[in-house]
Full PDB file with SEQRES, HELIX, SHEET, SSBOND, CRYST1, ORIGX, SCALE, CONECT and MASTER records, all heavy atoms in Angstrom:
SEQRES   1 A   36  ILE LEU LEU GLN ALA MET VAL GLY LEU ASP GLY THR SER          
SEQRES   2 A   36  CYS LEU GLU ILE PRO SER ARG LEU ASP ALA THR TYR ALA          
SEQRES   3 A   36  VAL GLN THR THR LEU ASP GLU ARG PHE GLN                      
HELIX    1 AA1 LEU A    2  VAL A    7  1                                   6    
SHEET    1 AA1 2 CYS A  14  PRO A  18  0                                        
SHEET    2 AA1 2 THR A  24  GLN A  28 -1                                        
CRYST1    1.000    1.000    1.000  90.00  90.00  90.00 P 1           1          
ORIGX1      1.000000  0.000000  0.000000        0.00000                         
ORIGX2      0.000000  1.000000  0.000000        0.00000                         
ORIGX3      0.000000  0.000000  1.000000        0.00000                         
SCALE1      1.000000  0.000000  0.000000        0.00000                         
SCALE2      0.000000  1.000000  0.000000        0.00000                         
SCALE3      0.000000  0.000000  1.000000        0.00000                         
ATOM      1  N   ILE A   1      48.281  -8.058  25.152  1.00  0.00           N  
ATOM      2  CA  ILE A   1      46.984  -8.452  25.746  1.00  0.00           C  
ATOM      3  C   ILE A   1      46.332  -9.567  24.921  1.00  0.00           C  
ATOM      4  O   ILE A   1      45.700 -10.371  25.596  1.00  0.00           O  
ATOM      5  CB  ILE A   1      46.212  -7.104  25.669  1.00  0.00           C  
ATOM      6  CG1 ILE A   1      46.782  -6.049  26.576  1.00  0.00           C  
ATOM      7  CG2 ILE A   1      44.798  -7.339  26.291  1.00  0.00           C  
ATOM      8  CD1 ILE A   1      46.121  -4.681  26.403  1.00  0.00           C  
ATOM      9  N   LEU A   2      46.412  -9.504  23.694  1.00  0.00           N  
ATOM     10  CA  LEU A   2      45.709 -10.428  22.993  1.00  0.00           C  
ATOM     11  C   LEU A   2      46.379 -11.839  23.137  1.00  0.00           C  
ATOM     12  O   LEU A   2      45.753 -12.811  23.300  1.00  0.00           O  
ATOM     13  CB  LEU A   2      45.927 -10.174  21.398  1.00  0.00           C  
ATOM     14  CG  LEU A   2      45.418 -11.174  20.371  1.00  0.00           C  
ATOM     15  CD1 LEU A   2      43.870 -11.428  20.461  1.00  0.00           C  
ATOM     16  CD2 LEU A   2      45.749 -10.791  18.890  1.00  0.00           C  
ATOM     17  N   LEU A   3      47.706 -11.919  23.224  1.00  0.00           N  
ATOM     18  CA  LEU A   3      48.383 -13.122  23.526  1.00  0.00           C  
ATOM     19  C   LEU A   3      47.992 -13.811  24.723  1.00  0.00           C  
ATOM     20  O   LEU A   3      47.707 -14.967  24.966  1.00  0.00           O  
ATOM     21  CB  LEU A   3      49.916 -12.957  23.465  1.00  0.00           C  
ATOM     22  CG  LEU A   3      50.694 -14.231  23.528  1.00  0.00           C  
ATOM     23  CD1 LEU A   3      50.395 -15.189  22.292  1.00  0.00           C  
ATOM     24  CD2 LEU A   3      52.223 -13.918  23.495  1.00  0.00           C  
ATOM     25  N   GLN A   4      47.772 -12.911  25.842  1.00  0.00           N  
ATOM     26  CA  GLN A   4      47.321 -13.394  27.113  1.00  0.00           C  
ATOM     27  C   GLN A   4      45.851 -13.893  26.971  1.00  0.00           C  
ATOM     28  O   GLN A   4      45.509 -14.981  27.575  1.00  0.00           O  
ATOM     29  CB  GLN A   4      47.311 -12.264  28.083  1.00  0.00           C  
ATOM     30  CG  GLN A   4      48.667 -11.739  28.565  1.00  0.00           C  
ATOM     31  CD  GLN A   4      48.742 -10.691  29.560  1.00  0.00           C  
ATOM     32  OE1 GLN A   4      48.035 -11.044  30.597  1.00  0.00           O  
ATOM     33  NE2 GLN A   4      49.229  -9.607  29.356  1.00  0.00           N  
ATOM     34  N   ALA A   5      45.027 -13.338  26.133  1.00  0.00           N  
ATOM     35  CA  ALA A   5      43.788 -13.895  25.837  1.00  0.00           C  
ATOM     36  C   ALA A   5      43.803 -15.154  25.244  1.00  0.00           C  
ATOM     37  O   ALA A   5      42.973 -16.038  25.519  1.00  0.00           O  
ATOM     38  CB  ALA A   5      42.924 -12.817  24.989  1.00  0.00           C  
ATOM     39  N   MET A   6      44.809 -15.330  24.321  1.00  0.00           N  
ATOM     40  CA  MET A   6      44.877 -16.765  23.662  1.00  0.00           C  
ATOM     41  C   MET A   6      45.220 -17.807  24.690  1.00  0.00           C  
ATOM     42  O   MET A   6      44.643 -18.845  24.635  1.00  0.00           O  
ATOM     43  CB  MET A   6      45.994 -16.585  22.543  1.00  0.00           C  
ATOM     44  CG  MET A   6      45.744 -15.587  21.440  1.00  0.00           C  
ATOM     45  SD  MET A   6      44.337 -16.103  20.374  1.00  0.00           S  
ATOM     46  CE  MET A   6      43.213 -14.853  20.846  1.00  0.00           C  
ATOM     47  N   VAL A   7      46.114 -17.400  25.493  1.00  0.00           N  
ATOM     48  CA  VAL A   7      46.573 -18.402  26.515  1.00  0.00           C  
ATOM     49  C   VAL A   7      45.393 -18.634  27.492  1.00  0.00           C  
ATOM     50  O   VAL A   7      45.253 -19.887  27.973  1.00  0.00           O  
ATOM     51  CB  VAL A   7      47.769 -17.860  27.298  1.00  0.00           C  
ATOM     52  CG1 VAL A   7      48.135 -18.749  28.422  1.00  0.00           C  
ATOM     53  CG2 VAL A   7      49.027 -17.639  26.400  1.00  0.00           C  
ATOM     54  N   GLY A   8      44.579 -17.794  27.738  1.00  0.00           N  
ATOM     55  CA  GLY A   8      43.432 -18.042  28.812  1.00  0.00           C  
ATOM     56  C   GLY A   8      42.263 -18.440  28.201  1.00  0.00           C  
ATOM     57  O   GLY A   8      41.266 -18.308  29.019  1.00  0.00           O  
ATOM     58  N   LEU A   9      42.114 -18.930  26.957  1.00  0.00           N  
ATOM     59  CA  LEU A   9      40.878 -19.339  26.487  1.00  0.00           C  
ATOM     60  C   LEU A   9      40.291 -20.544  27.316  1.00  0.00           C  
ATOM     61  O   LEU A   9      40.888 -21.595  27.546  1.00  0.00           O  
ATOM     62  CB  LEU A   9      40.968 -19.915  25.044  1.00  0.00           C  
ATOM     63  CG  LEU A   9      41.279 -18.850  24.021  1.00  0.00           C  
ATOM     64  CD1 LEU A   9      41.442 -19.479  22.562  1.00  0.00           C  
ATOM     65  CD2 LEU A   9      40.051 -17.909  23.768  1.00  0.00           C  
ATOM     66  N   ASP A  10      39.123 -20.245  27.877  1.00  0.00           N  
ATOM     67  CA  ASP A  10      38.532 -21.265  28.784  1.00  0.00           C  
ATOM     68  C   ASP A  10      37.093 -21.498  28.466  1.00  0.00           C  
ATOM     69  O   ASP A  10      36.309 -21.923  29.355  1.00  0.00           O  
ATOM     70  CB  ASP A  10      38.742 -21.007  30.220  1.00  0.00           C  
ATOM     71  CG  ASP A  10      38.151 -19.513  30.533  1.00  0.00           C  
ATOM     72  OD1 ASP A  10      37.673 -18.814  29.563  1.00  0.00           O  
ATOM     73  OD2 ASP A  10      38.262 -19.202  31.708  1.00  0.00           O  
ATOM     74  N   GLY A  11      36.525 -21.073  27.347  1.00  0.00           N  
ATOM     75  CA  GLY A  11      35.051 -21.270  26.883  1.00  0.00           C  
ATOM     76  C   GLY A  11      34.311 -20.153  27.317  1.00  0.00           C  
ATOM     77  O   GLY A  11      33.036 -20.079  27.109  1.00  0.00           O  
ATOM     78  N   THR A  12      34.811 -19.103  27.756  1.00  0.00           N  
ATOM     79  CA  THR A  12      33.995 -17.716  28.080  1.00  0.00           C  
ATOM     80  C   THR A  12      34.143 -16.826  26.916  1.00  0.00           C  
ATOM     81  O   THR A  12      35.096 -16.810  26.084  1.00  0.00           O  
ATOM     82  CB  THR A  12      34.651 -17.109  29.302  1.00  0.00           C  
ATOM     83  OG1 THR A  12      35.924 -16.710  29.135  1.00  0.00           O  
ATOM     84  CG2 THR A  12      34.541 -17.966  30.525  1.00  0.00           C  
ATOM     85  N   SER A  13      33.048 -16.036  26.797  1.00  0.00           N  
ATOM     86  CA  SER A  13      33.045 -15.073  25.655  1.00  0.00           C  
ATOM     87  C   SER A  13      33.733 -13.818  26.051  1.00  0.00           C  
ATOM     88  O   SER A  13      33.906 -12.870  25.251  1.00  0.00           O  
ATOM     89  CB  SER A  13      31.641 -14.866  25.325  1.00  0.00           C  
ATOM     90  OG  SER A  13      30.887 -14.182  26.318  1.00  0.00           O  
ATOM     91  N   CYS A  14      33.944 -13.579  27.394  1.00  0.00           N  
ATOM     92  CA  CYS A  14      34.575 -12.293  27.678  1.00  0.00           C  
ATOM     93  C   CYS A  14      35.696 -12.430  28.752  1.00  0.00           C  
ATOM     94  O   CYS A  14      35.443 -13.254  29.713  1.00  0.00           O  
ATOM     95  CB  CYS A  14      33.444 -11.265  28.310  1.00  0.00           C  
ATOM     96  SG  CYS A  14      34.049  -9.570  28.577  1.00  0.00           S  
ATOM     97  N   LEU A  15      36.839 -12.044  28.507  1.00  0.00           N  
ATOM     98  CA  LEU A  15      37.983 -12.277  29.357  1.00  0.00           C  
ATOM     99  C   LEU A  15      38.465 -10.944  29.963  1.00  0.00           C  
ATOM    100  O   LEU A  15      38.674  -9.982  29.215  1.00  0.00           O  
ATOM    101  CB  LEU A  15      39.055 -12.946  28.536  1.00  0.00           C  
ATOM    102  CG  LEU A  15      38.723 -14.240  27.879  1.00  0.00           C  
ATOM    103  CD1 LEU A  15      39.956 -14.613  26.985  1.00  0.00           C  
ATOM    104  CD2 LEU A  15      38.517 -15.312  28.794  1.00  0.00           C  
ATOM    105  N   GLU A  16      38.639 -11.100  31.329  1.00  0.00           N  
ATOM    106  CA  GLU A  16      39.194  -9.881  31.988  1.00  0.00           C  
ATOM    107  C   GLU A  16      40.744 -10.031  32.173  1.00  0.00           C  
ATOM    108  O   GLU A  16      41.128 -11.044  32.913  1.00  0.00           O  
ATOM    109  CB  GLU A  16      38.516  -9.661  33.308  1.00  0.00           C  
ATOM    110  CG  GLU A  16      38.731  -8.217  33.898  1.00  0.00           C  
ATOM    111  CD  GLU A  16      37.851  -7.960  35.096  1.00  0.00           C  
ATOM    112  OE1 GLU A  16      38.265  -8.438  36.291  1.00  0.00           O  
ATOM    113  OE2 GLU A  16      36.901  -7.345  35.002  1.00  0.00           O  
ATOM    114  N   ILE A  17      41.479  -9.158  31.655  1.00  0.00           N  
ATOM    115  CA  ILE A  17      42.886  -9.304  31.760  1.00  0.00           C  
ATOM    116  C   ILE A  17      43.698  -8.260  32.411  1.00  0.00           C  
ATOM    117  O   ILE A  17      43.642  -7.157  31.960  1.00  0.00           O  
ATOM    118  CB  ILE A  17      43.498  -9.417  30.383  1.00  0.00           C  
ATOM    119  CG1 ILE A  17      42.758 -10.562  29.577  1.00  0.00           C  
ATOM    120  CG2 ILE A  17      45.017  -9.626  30.169  1.00  0.00           C  
ATOM    121  CD1 ILE A  17      43.017 -10.506  27.996  1.00  0.00           C  
ATOM    122  N   PRO A  18      44.288  -8.482  33.559  1.00  0.00           N  
ATOM    123  CA  PRO A  18      45.229  -7.528  34.276  1.00  0.00           C  
ATOM    124  C   PRO A  18      46.324  -7.256  33.491  1.00  0.00           C  
ATOM    125  O   PRO A  18      47.071  -8.134  33.026  1.00  0.00           O  
ATOM    126  CB  PRO A  18      45.474  -8.193  35.588  1.00  0.00           C  
ATOM    127  CG  PRO A  18      44.580  -9.376  35.699  1.00  0.00           C  
ATOM    128  CD  PRO A  18      44.287  -9.741  34.391  1.00  0.00           C  
ATOM    129  N   SER A  19      46.766  -6.044  33.122  1.00  0.00           N  
ATOM    130  CA  SER A  19      47.917  -5.710  32.384  1.00  0.00           C  
ATOM    131  C   SER A  19      49.080  -5.371  33.308  1.00  0.00           C  
ATOM    132  O   SER A  19      48.882  -5.326  34.535  1.00  0.00           O  
ATOM    133  CB  SER A  19      47.601  -4.601  31.500  1.00  0.00           C  
ATOM    134  OG  SER A  19      47.608  -3.311  32.263  1.00  0.00           O  
ATOM    135  N   ARG A  20      50.261  -5.216  32.735  1.00  0.00           N  
ATOM    136  CA  ARG A  20      51.451  -4.905  33.484  1.00  0.00           C  
ATOM    137  C   ARG A  20      51.372  -3.420  33.997  1.00  0.00           C  
ATOM    138  O   ARG A  20      52.233  -2.955  34.669  1.00  0.00           O  
ATOM    139  CB  ARG A  20      52.628  -5.142  32.632  1.00  0.00           C  
ATOM    140  CG  ARG A  20      52.800  -6.753  32.250  1.00  0.00           C  
ATOM    141  CD  ARG A  20      53.907  -6.959  31.347  1.00  0.00           C  
ATOM    142  NE  ARG A  20      53.916  -8.369  31.014  1.00  0.00           N  
ATOM    143  CZ  ARG A  20      54.812  -8.715  30.077  1.00  0.00           C  
ATOM    144  NH1 ARG A  20      55.626  -7.953  29.367  1.00  0.00           N  
ATOM    145  NH2 ARG A  20      54.829 -10.104  29.724  1.00  0.00           N  
ATOM    146  N   LEU A  21      50.388  -2.695  33.447  1.00  0.00           N  
ATOM    147  CA  LEU A  21      50.352  -1.180  33.710  1.00  0.00           C  
ATOM    148  C   LEU A  21      49.277  -1.038  34.802  1.00  0.00           C  
ATOM    149  O   LEU A  21      48.774   0.160  34.935  1.00  0.00           O  
ATOM    150  CB  LEU A  21      50.046  -0.357  32.471  1.00  0.00           C  
ATOM    151  CG  LEU A  21      51.068  -0.654  31.357  1.00  0.00           C  
ATOM    152  CD1 LEU A  21      50.681   0.150  30.171  1.00  0.00           C  
ATOM    153  CD2 LEU A  21      52.521  -0.132  31.729  1.00  0.00           C  
ATOM    154  N   ASP A  22      48.939  -1.974  35.651  1.00  0.00           N  
ATOM    155  CA  ASP A  22      48.011  -1.784  36.740  1.00  0.00           C  
ATOM    156  C   ASP A  22      46.677  -1.334  36.172  1.00  0.00           C  
ATOM    157  O   ASP A  22      45.895  -0.623  36.810  1.00  0.00           O  
ATOM    158  CB  ASP A  22      48.462  -0.807  37.731  1.00  0.00           C  
ATOM    159  CG  ASP A  22      49.657  -1.313  38.431  1.00  0.00           C  
ATOM    160  OD1 ASP A  22      49.744  -2.550  38.597  1.00  0.00           O  
ATOM    161  OD2 ASP A  22      50.618  -0.513  38.877  1.00  0.00           O  
ATOM    162  N   ALA A  23      46.263  -1.685  34.913  1.00  0.00           N  
ATOM    163  CA  ALA A  23      44.947  -1.517  34.451  1.00  0.00           C  
ATOM    164  C   ALA A  23      44.404  -2.818  34.033  1.00  0.00           C  
ATOM    165  O   ALA A  23      44.981  -3.820  33.826  1.00  0.00           O  
ATOM    166  CB  ALA A  23      45.033  -0.642  33.039  1.00  0.00           C  
ATOM    167  N   THR A  24      43.151  -2.662  33.805  1.00  0.00           N  
ATOM    168  CA  THR A  24      42.325  -3.957  33.435  1.00  0.00           C  
ATOM    169  C   THR A  24      41.628  -3.830  32.186  1.00  0.00           C  
ATOM    170  O   THR A  24      41.000  -2.921  32.007  1.00  0.00           O  
ATOM    171  CB  THR A  24      41.214  -4.341  34.577  1.00  0.00           C  
ATOM    172  OG1 THR A  24      41.920  -4.514  35.846  1.00  0.00           O  
ATOM    173  CG2 THR A  24      40.431  -5.599  34.267  1.00  0.00           C  
ATOM    174  N   TYR A  25      41.825  -4.781  31.282  1.00  0.00           N  
ATOM    175  CA  TYR A  25      41.284  -4.773  29.865  1.00  0.00           C  
ATOM    176  C   TYR A  25      40.318  -5.911  29.863  1.00  0.00           C  
ATOM    177  O   TYR A  25      40.467  -7.095  30.134  1.00  0.00           O  
ATOM    178  CB  TYR A  25      42.395  -4.970  28.810  1.00  0.00           C  
ATOM    179  CG  TYR A  25      43.390  -3.825  28.837  1.00  0.00           C  
ATOM    180  CD1 TYR A  25      44.458  -3.842  29.551  1.00  0.00           C  
ATOM    181  CD2 TYR A  25      43.171  -2.733  27.877  1.00  0.00           C  
ATOM    182  CE1 TYR A  25      45.340  -2.848  29.526  1.00  0.00           C  
ATOM    183  CE2 TYR A  25      44.014  -1.585  27.941  1.00  0.00           C  
ATOM    184  CZ  TYR A  25      45.218  -1.699  28.716  1.00  0.00           C  
ATOM    185  OH  TYR A  25      46.086  -0.776  28.564  1.00  0.00           O  
ATOM    186  N   ALA A  26      39.107  -5.561  29.202  1.00  0.00           N  
ATOM    187  CA  ALA A  26      37.999  -6.412  28.981  1.00  0.00           C  
ATOM    188  C   ALA A  26      38.056  -6.841  27.421  1.00  0.00           C  
ATOM    189  O   ALA A  26      37.776  -5.884  26.678  1.00  0.00           O  
ATOM    190  CB  ALA A  26      36.802  -5.968  29.335  1.00  0.00           C  
ATOM    191  N   VAL A  27      38.296  -8.044  27.112  1.00  0.00           N  
ATOM    192  CA  VAL A  27      38.388  -8.394  25.782  1.00  0.00           C  
ATOM    193  C   VAL A  27      37.181  -9.229  25.497  1.00  0.00           C  
ATOM    194  O   VAL A  27      36.905 -10.349  25.975  1.00  0.00           O  
ATOM    195  CB  VAL A  27      39.616  -9.381  25.502  1.00  0.00           C  
ATOM    196  CG1 VAL A  27      39.649  -9.746  24.123  1.00  0.00           C  
ATOM    197  CG2 VAL A  27      40.864  -8.591  25.949  1.00  0.00           C  
ATOM    198  N   GLN A  28      36.308  -8.771  24.589  1.00  0.00           N  
ATOM    199  CA  GLN A  28      35.091  -9.416  24.138  1.00  0.00           C  
ATOM    200  C   GLN A  28      35.435 -10.245  22.920  1.00  0.00           C  
ATOM    201  O   GLN A  28      35.757  -9.711  21.886  1.00  0.00           O  
ATOM    202  CB  GLN A  28      33.995  -8.401  23.826  1.00  0.00           C  
ATOM    203  CG  GLN A  28      32.731  -9.035  23.359  1.00  0.00           C  
ATOM    204  CD  GLN A  28      31.986  -9.638  24.503  1.00  0.00           C  
ATOM    205  OE1 GLN A  28      31.765  -9.204  25.590  1.00  0.00           O  
ATOM    206  NE2 GLN A  28      31.484 -10.940  24.232  1.00  0.00           N  
ATOM    207  N   THR A  29      35.221 -11.592  22.946  1.00  0.00           N  
ATOM    208  CA  THR A  29      35.691 -12.487  21.913  1.00  0.00           C  
ATOM    209  C   THR A  29      34.319 -12.811  21.107  1.00  0.00           C  
ATOM    210  O   THR A  29      33.180 -12.579  21.580  1.00  0.00           O  
ATOM    211  CB  THR A  29      36.338 -13.661  22.426  1.00  0.00           C  
ATOM    212  OG1 THR A  29      35.306 -14.553  23.053  1.00  0.00           O  
ATOM    213  CG2 THR A  29      37.420 -13.350  23.395  1.00  0.00           C  
ATOM    214  N   THR A  30      34.648 -13.569  20.036  1.00  0.00           N  
ATOM    215  CA  THR A  30      33.534 -14.105  19.219  1.00  0.00           C  
ATOM    216  C   THR A  30      33.208 -15.604  19.496  1.00  0.00           C  
ATOM    217  O   THR A  30      32.382 -16.189  18.831  1.00  0.00           O  
ATOM    218  CB  THR A  30      34.166 -14.059  17.706  1.00  0.00           C  
ATOM    219  OG1 THR A  30      35.259 -15.059  17.590  1.00  0.00           O  
ATOM    220  CG2 THR A  30      34.502 -12.758  17.239  1.00  0.00           C  
ATOM    221  N   LEU A  31      33.768 -16.166  20.588  1.00  0.00           N  
ATOM    222  CA  LEU A  31      33.592 -17.589  20.816  1.00  0.00           C  
ATOM    223  C   LEU A  31      32.080 -17.807  21.295  1.00  0.00           C  
ATOM    224  O   LEU A  31      31.531 -16.983  21.890  1.00  0.00           O  
ATOM    225  CB  LEU A  31      34.467 -17.906  22.178  1.00  0.00           C  
ATOM    226  CG  LEU A  31      35.949 -18.017  21.812  1.00  0.00           C  
ATOM    227  CD1 LEU A  31      36.624 -18.349  23.037  1.00  0.00           C  
ATOM    228  CD2 LEU A  31      36.344 -18.922  20.657  1.00  0.00           C  
ATOM    229  N   ASP A  32      31.591 -18.836  20.666  1.00  0.00           N  
ATOM    230  CA  ASP A  32      30.346 -19.432  21.059  1.00  0.00           C  
ATOM    231  C   ASP A  32      30.634 -20.381  22.283  1.00  0.00           C  
ATOM    232  O   ASP A  32      31.115 -21.327  22.234  1.00  0.00           O  
ATOM    233  CB  ASP A  32      29.740 -20.186  19.918  1.00  0.00           C  
ATOM    234  CG  ASP A  32      28.259 -20.807  20.200  1.00  0.00           C  
ATOM    235  OD1 ASP A  32      28.030 -21.213  21.302  1.00  0.00           O  
ATOM    236  OD2 ASP A  32      27.457 -20.828  19.229  1.00  0.00           O  
ATOM    237  N   GLU A  33      30.035 -19.863  23.450  1.00  0.00           N  
ATOM    238  CA  GLU A  33      30.492 -20.456  24.709  1.00  0.00           C  
ATOM    239  C   GLU A  33      29.971 -21.891  24.624  1.00  0.00           C  
ATOM    240  O   GLU A  33      30.601 -22.818  25.101  1.00  0.00           O  
ATOM    241  CB  GLU A  33      29.826 -19.705  25.893  1.00  0.00           C  
ATOM    242  CG  GLU A  33      30.417 -18.317  26.092  1.00  0.00           C  
ATOM    243  CD  GLU A  33      29.757 -17.646  27.367  1.00  0.00           C  
ATOM    244  OE1 GLU A  33      29.450 -18.426  28.195  1.00  0.00           O  
ATOM    245  OE2 GLU A  33      29.858 -16.446  27.450  1.00  0.00           O  
ATOM    246  N   ARG A  34      28.658 -22.172  24.183  1.00  0.00           N  
ATOM    247  CA  ARG A  34      28.173 -23.560  24.260  1.00  0.00           C  
ATOM    248  C   ARG A  34      29.027 -24.468  23.294  1.00  0.00           C  
ATOM    249  O   ARG A  34      29.365 -25.577  23.785  1.00  0.00           O  
ATOM    250  CB  ARG A  34      26.723 -23.485  23.842  1.00  0.00           C  
ATOM    251  CG  ARG A  34      26.187 -24.934  23.854  1.00  0.00           C  
ATOM    252  CD  ARG A  34      24.678 -24.920  23.339  1.00  0.00           C  
ATOM    253  NE  ARG A  34      24.123 -26.176  23.276  1.00  0.00           N  
ATOM    254  CZ  ARG A  34      24.268 -26.980  22.265  1.00  0.00           C  
ATOM    255  NH1 ARG A  34      24.975 -26.578  21.204  1.00  0.00           N  
ATOM    256  NH2 ARG A  34      23.736 -28.266  22.244  1.00  0.00           N  
ATOM    257  N   PHE A  35      29.378 -23.974  22.189  1.00  0.00           N  
ATOM    258  CA  PHE A  35      30.152 -24.778  21.145  1.00  0.00           C  
ATOM    259  C   PHE A  35      31.478 -24.976  21.628  1.00  0.00           C  
ATOM    260  O   PHE A  35      32.038 -26.057  21.575  1.00  0.00           O  
ATOM    261  CB  PHE A  35      30.105 -24.182  19.782  1.00  0.00           C  
ATOM    262  CG  PHE A  35      30.456 -25.167  18.716  1.00  0.00           C  
ATOM    263  CD1 PHE A  35      29.974 -26.332  18.582  1.00  0.00           C  
ATOM    264  CD2 PHE A  35      31.302 -24.743  17.782  1.00  0.00           C  
ATOM    265  CE1 PHE A  35      30.338 -27.315  17.612  1.00  0.00           C  
ATOM    266  CE2 PHE A  35      31.670 -25.687  16.715  1.00  0.00           C  
ATOM    267  CZ  PHE A  35      31.169 -26.844  16.777  1.00  0.00           C  
ATOM    268  N   GLN A  36      32.072 -23.995  22.312  1.00  0.00           N  
ATOM    269  CA  GLN A  36      33.489 -24.100  22.672  1.00  0.00           C  
ATOM    270  C   GLN A  36      33.459 -25.117  23.902  1.00  0.00           C  
ATOM    271  O   GLN A  36      34.370 -26.004  23.994  1.00  0.00           O  
ATOM    272  CB  GLN A  36      33.863 -22.735  23.492  1.00  0.00           C  
ATOM    273  CG  GLN A  36      35.201 -22.734  24.142  1.00  0.00           C  
ATOM    274  CD  GLN A  36      36.363 -22.600  23.303  1.00  0.00           C  
ATOM    275  OE1 GLN A  36      36.291 -22.531  22.108  1.00  0.00           O  
ATOM    276  NE2 GLN A  36      37.548 -22.487  23.857  1.00  0.00           N  
TER     277      GLN A  36                                                      
MASTER        0    0    0    1    2    0    0    6  276    1    0    3          
END                                                                             
């Protein structure tokens, strides 16, 4: 899940990641959206 979050970095502070187990994980990151 973390690796998918790394691949999907797009300037957002919260990433929603569909997993292979048909569940959805919300990853809250430390990114500063404006600075990113």
